[in-house]
């Protein structure tokens, strides 16, 4: 089994600043997503990943993230086992992103569920 490839918050920020061919997938719940995202994050709850495998492009850098990196790590492993893709997992999730001083924004067009 291949090892999951990870990227830290600083590495992701650097990648985002220089590469527009990056897709960020947020695999958290609707409630978590509504609280704030990494700008450009695409909502793809973890439980929907199996039915969306064929939607993942093979010509872009794919990064999955969640709150702490655990769920997105599982998603990366699943994607690697079921496709030829090698996505990156954001080590430490959105928590590490925020603690590194990077911006978290409200998702556009979604109302917080409550």
C-alpha atoms as a PDB file:
ATOM      1  CA  UNK A   1       0.000   0.000   0.000  1.00  0.00           C
ATOM      2  CA  UNK A   2       1.276   3.443  -0.891  1.00  0.00           C
ATOM      3  CA  UNK A   3       1.922   5.989   1.791  1.00  0.00           C
ATOM      4  CA  UNK A   4      -0.377   8.973   1.942  1.00  0.00           C
ATOM      5  CA  UNK A   5       1.355  12.136   0.809  1.00  0.00           C
ATOM      6  CA  UNK A   6       0.944  15.087   3.150  1.00  0.00           C
ATOM      7  CA  UNK A   7       1.551  18.791   2.939  1.00  0.00           C
ATOM      8  CA  UNK A   8       1.762  21.219   5.816  1.00  0.00           C
ATOM      9  CA  UNK A   9      -0.043  24.552   5.988  1.00  0.00           C
ATOM     10  CA  UNK A  10       2.975  26.610   4.874  1.00  0.00           C
ATOM     11  CA  UNK A  11       3.601  24.244   1.966  1.00  0.00           C
ATOM     12  CA  UNK A  12      -0.037  24.456   0.902  1.00  0.00           C
ATOM     13  CA  UNK A  13      -0.040  28.251   1.070  1.00  0.00           C
ATOM     14  CA  UNK A  14       3.092  28.332  -1.086  1.00  0.00           C
ATOM     15  CA  UNK A  15       1.521  25.929  -3.577  1.00  0.00           C
ATOM     16  CA  UNK A  16      -1.674  27.988  -3.706  1.00  0.00           C
ATOM     17  CA  UNK A  17       0.247  31.215  -4.267  1.00  0.00           C
ATOM     18  CA  UNK A  18       2.057  29.875  -7.335  1.00  0.00           C
ATOM     19  CA  UNK A  19      -0.214  27.195  -8.814  1.00  0.00           C
ATOM     20  CA  UNK A  20      -3.739  27.730 -10.056  1.00  0.00           C
ATOM     21  CA  UNK A  21      -4.100  24.043 -10.951  1.00  0.00           C
ATOM     22  CA  UNK A  22      -4.846  23.070  -7.365  1.00  0.00           C
ATOM     23  CA  UNK A  23      -8.184  21.826  -6.075  1.00  0.00           C
ATOM     24  CA  UNK A  24      -8.965  21.956  -2.369  1.00  0.00           C
ATOM     25  CA  UNK A  25     -11.653  19.556  -1.196  1.00  0.00           C
ATOM     26  CA  UNK A  26     -13.163  20.077   2.253  1.00  0.00           C
ATOM     27  CA  UNK A  27     -14.421  16.712   3.530  1.00  0.00           C
ATOM     28  CA  UNK A  28     -15.966  18.015   6.763  1.00  0.00           C
ATOM     29  CA  UNK A  29     -19.664  18.116   7.613  1.00  0.00           C
ATOM     30  CA  UNK A  30     -22.036  20.848   6.414  1.00  0.00           C
ATOM     31  CA  UNK A  31     -21.998  22.466   9.861  1.00  0.00           C
ATOM     32  CA  UNK A  32     -18.189  22.518   9.990  1.00  0.00           C
ATOM     33  CA  UNK A  33     -17.942  23.803   6.415  1.00  0.00           C
ATOM     34  CA  UNK A  34     -20.381  26.619   7.183  1.00  0.00           C
ATOM     35  CA  UNK A  35     -18.158  27.833  10.033  1.00  0.00           C
ATOM     36  CA  UNK A  36     -15.306  28.669   7.672  1.00  0.00           C
ATOM     37  CA  UNK A  37     -13.118  27.259   4.924  1.00  0.00           C
ATOM     38  CA  UNK A  38      -9.762  27.689   3.286  1.00  0.00           C
ATOM     39  CA  UNK A  39     -10.480  30.063   0.414  1.00  0.00           C
ATOM     40  CA  UNK A  40     -11.342  28.074  -2.690  1.00  0.00           C
ATOM     41  CA  UNK A  41     -12.305  24.988  -0.700  1.00  0.00           C
ATOM     42  CA  UNK A  42     -14.873  22.780  -2.434  1.00  0.00           C
ATOM     43  CA  UNK A  43     -17.455  21.109  -0.217  1.00  0.00           C
ATOM     44  CA  UNK A  44     -17.262  17.313  -0.567  1.00  0.00           C
ATOM     45  CA  UNK A  45     -18.382  15.648   2.673  1.00  0.00           C
ATOM     46  CA  UNK A  46     -16.424  12.501   3.429  1.00  0.00           C
ATOM     47  CA  UNK A  47     -19.422  10.199   2.914  1.00  0.00           C
ATOM     48  CA  UNK A  48     -19.909  11.496  -0.653  1.00  0.00           C
ATOM     49  CA  UNK A  49     -16.369  10.776  -1.865  1.00  0.00           C
ATOM     50  CA  UNK A  50     -17.072   7.214  -3.144  1.00  0.00           C
ATOM     51  CA  UNK A  51     -19.796   8.458  -5.522  1.00  0.00           C
ATOM     52  CA  UNK A  52     -17.665  11.409  -6.670  1.00  0.00           C
ATOM     53  CA  UNK A  53     -14.451   9.512  -7.477  1.00  0.00           C
ATOM     54  CA  UNK A  54     -15.043   9.838 -11.220  1.00  0.00           C
ATOM     55  CA  UNK A  55     -15.435  13.619 -10.857  1.00  0.00           C
ATOM     56  CA  UNK A  56     -11.879  14.057  -9.564  1.00  0.00           C
ATOM     57  CA  UNK A  57      -9.617  15.428 -12.324  1.00  0.00           C
ATOM     58  CA  UNK A  58      -6.285  13.808 -13.069  1.00  0.00           C
ATOM     59  CA  UNK A  59      -4.674  16.982 -14.391  1.00  0.00           C
ATOM     60  CA  UNK A  60      -4.706  19.057 -11.202  1.00  0.00           C
ATOM     61  CA  UNK A  61      -3.102  18.862  -7.778  1.00  0.00           C
ATOM     62  CA  UNK A  62      -5.779  17.619  -5.382  1.00  0.00           C
ATOM     63  CA  UNK A  63      -5.612  18.443  -1.678  1.00  0.00           C
ATOM     64  CA  UNK A  64      -8.108  17.107   0.847  1.00  0.00           C
ATOM     65  CA  UNK A  65      -8.574  18.698   4.245  1.00  0.00           C
ATOM     66  CA  UNK A  66     -10.801  18.347   7.283  1.00  0.00           C
ATOM     67  CA  UNK A  67     -10.663  19.698  10.826  1.00  0.00           C
ATOM     68  CA  UNK A  68      -7.526  17.916  12.035  1.00  0.00           C
ATOM     69  CA  UNK A  69      -6.277  15.877   9.073  1.00  0.00           C
ATOM     70  CA  UNK A  70      -7.652  12.496  10.202  1.00  0.00           C
ATOM     71  CA  UNK A  71     -10.720  12.238   7.956  1.00  0.00           C
ATOM     72  CA  UNK A  72      -8.946  13.771   4.975  1.00  0.00           C
ATOM     73  CA  UNK A  73      -6.120  11.274   5.478  1.00  0.00           C
ATOM     74  CA  UNK A  74      -8.648   8.450   5.259  1.00  0.00           C
ATOM     75  CA  UNK A  75     -10.102  10.015   2.112  1.00  0.00           C
ATOM     76  CA  UNK A  76      -6.627  10.253   0.555  1.00  0.00           C
ATOM     77  CA  UNK A  77      -6.043   6.568   1.254  1.00  0.00           C
ATOM     78  CA  UNK A  78      -9.414   5.640  -0.234  1.00  0.00           C
ATOM     79  CA  UNK A  79      -8.824   7.731  -3.356  1.00  0.00           C
ATOM     80  CA  UNK A  80      -5.364   6.218  -3.822  1.00  0.00           C
ATOM     81  CA  UNK A  81      -6.748   2.670  -3.508  1.00  0.00           C
ATOM     82  CA  UNK A  82      -9.564   3.261  -5.986  1.00  0.00           C
ATOM     83  CA  UNK A  83      -8.019   5.560  -8.617  1.00  0.00           C
ATOM     84  CA  UNK A  84      -4.630   6.355 -10.119  1.00  0.00           C
ATOM     85  CA  UNK A  85      -4.610   9.713  -8.320  1.00  0.00           C
ATOM     86  CA  UNK A  86      -2.167  10.720  -5.596  1.00  0.00           C
ATOM     87  CA  UNK A  87      -3.912  13.438  -3.608  1.00  0.00           C
ATOM     88  CA  UNK A  88      -2.289  15.381  -0.794  1.00  0.00           C
ATOM     89  CA  UNK A  89      -3.583  15.491   2.766  1.00  0.00           C
ATOM     90  CA  UNK A  90      -3.326  18.773   4.677  1.00  0.00           C
ATOM     91  CA  UNK A  91      -1.448  17.665   7.792  1.00  0.00           C
ATOM     92  CA  UNK A  92      -3.247  19.010  10.858  1.00  0.00           C
ATOM     93  CA  UNK A  93      -6.257  20.082   8.797  1.00  0.00           C
ATOM     94  CA  UNK A  94      -7.854  23.504   8.914  1.00  0.00           C
ATOM     95  CA  UNK A  95      -6.750  23.805  12.552  1.00  0.00           C
ATOM     96  CA  UNK A  96      -3.088  23.868  11.493  1.00  0.00           C
ATOM     97  CA  UNK A  97      -3.941  26.244   8.638  1.00  0.00           C
ATOM     98  CA  UNK A  98      -5.556  28.700  11.071  1.00  0.00           C
ATOM     99  CA  UNK A  99      -2.832  28.288  13.710  1.00  0.00           C
ATOM    100  CA  UNK A 100      -0.230  29.059  11.041  1.00  0.00           C
ATOM    101  CA  UNK A 101      -1.837  32.476  10.626  1.00  0.00           C
ATOM    102  CA  UNK A 102      -3.555  31.826   7.295  1.00  0.00           C
ATOM    103  CA  UNK A 103      -7.018  33.104   6.515  1.00  0.00           C
ATOM    104  CA  UNK A 104     -10.226  31.154   7.000  1.00  0.00           C
ATOM    105  CA  UNK A 105     -13.204  32.586   5.104  1.00  0.00           C
ATOM    106  CA  UNK A 106     -16.959  32.052   5.148  1.00  0.00           C
ATOM    107  CA  UNK A 107     -18.119  29.896   2.236  1.00  0.00           C
ATOM    108  CA  UNK A 108     -20.054  31.797  -0.413  1.00  0.00           C
ATOM    109  CA  UNK A 109     -23.708  31.031  -0.980  1.00  0.00           C
ATOM    110  CA  UNK A 110     -24.164  28.786   2.032  1.00  0.00           C
ATOM    111  CA  UNK A 111     -26.058  29.645   5.153  1.00  0.00           C
ATOM    112  CA  UNK A 112     -24.925  28.235   8.442  1.00  0.00           C
ATOM    113  CA  UNK A 113     -27.113  25.367   9.535  1.00  0.00           C
ATOM    114  CA  UNK A 114     -28.306  25.665  13.091  1.00  0.00           C
END
